[in-house]
Amino acid sequence: MSFFPINAKVECSDGPCGESTTIVVNPVSRDVTYVVVKNTTEDPHVERLVPVAKVAETTHDLIRLDCASADLAAMDPFVETRYMEFSDTEYMATTAYYGFEMPYAMPTDYSGRLVEEECVPEGQYAVHRGTHVHASDGHIGQIGEFVISPESGHLSHFIMEAGHFWDKKEITVPMLAIDRVEDDTVYLKLDKHAVSELPAVKVKRHYRGKS
């Protein structure tokens, strides 16, 4: 089985260029379609959507891309900032949440705010290392890694980190157990007991570009 590391260093063909922050997954085909790279050759740094075909090699802490840093800088951004307008009623309902409570005030012509959105292709979802995992009866752990089957080349399982840092264990959960992904949370079809009863899967870590 092979792996795509998250929070790994990334190198372009002409040198270091940043770090991986996220993977984008097609839930139907169970393929990794993009790796999100925070491009540190740009100022300010910009997260870019890198097609998986541009990943030449991976190790446990490094991703090498088959492109130059200039090519990376031309790829689509993963996060876009836009201006959201809202009514006076909506403004009054949200001021406390955003830290503006009486007697503080905003300018009378203030009618919106800047918001950031992840640009995930339609029908796909983005998963960060540390994404929360919820069983059908509550929170159960966090995403660690995704496992790719060498036979099919598709995602077969993800490795969930459960427990506290002094008593942490890894549970290998099949991708088919995922019900949905919403608000940076993975929701499972299984309850906590069913997850604890999942059979152990022996995992040997191989990486892209390695025999």
Foldseek 3Di string as FASTA:
>chain_A
DEWDAAQAWEAEPVGTFFGWFKWKAQLVQQAGQWTWGQGVVDVVTFTFTHGPVQFQKDDNRYTYGHHHSVVRVPGHTQKDKDKDFDDPVVCVVCCVVVPADPPHDDDPPDGIDIDMDGDHPPNMDMAGFQQWEAEPVGTFFTWHIWDADPVSRHTFWTWTWGDDPVDIDIFTGGSVQFPDADPSYTYGPHHPVVSVPDDDDDDDYDMRNGD
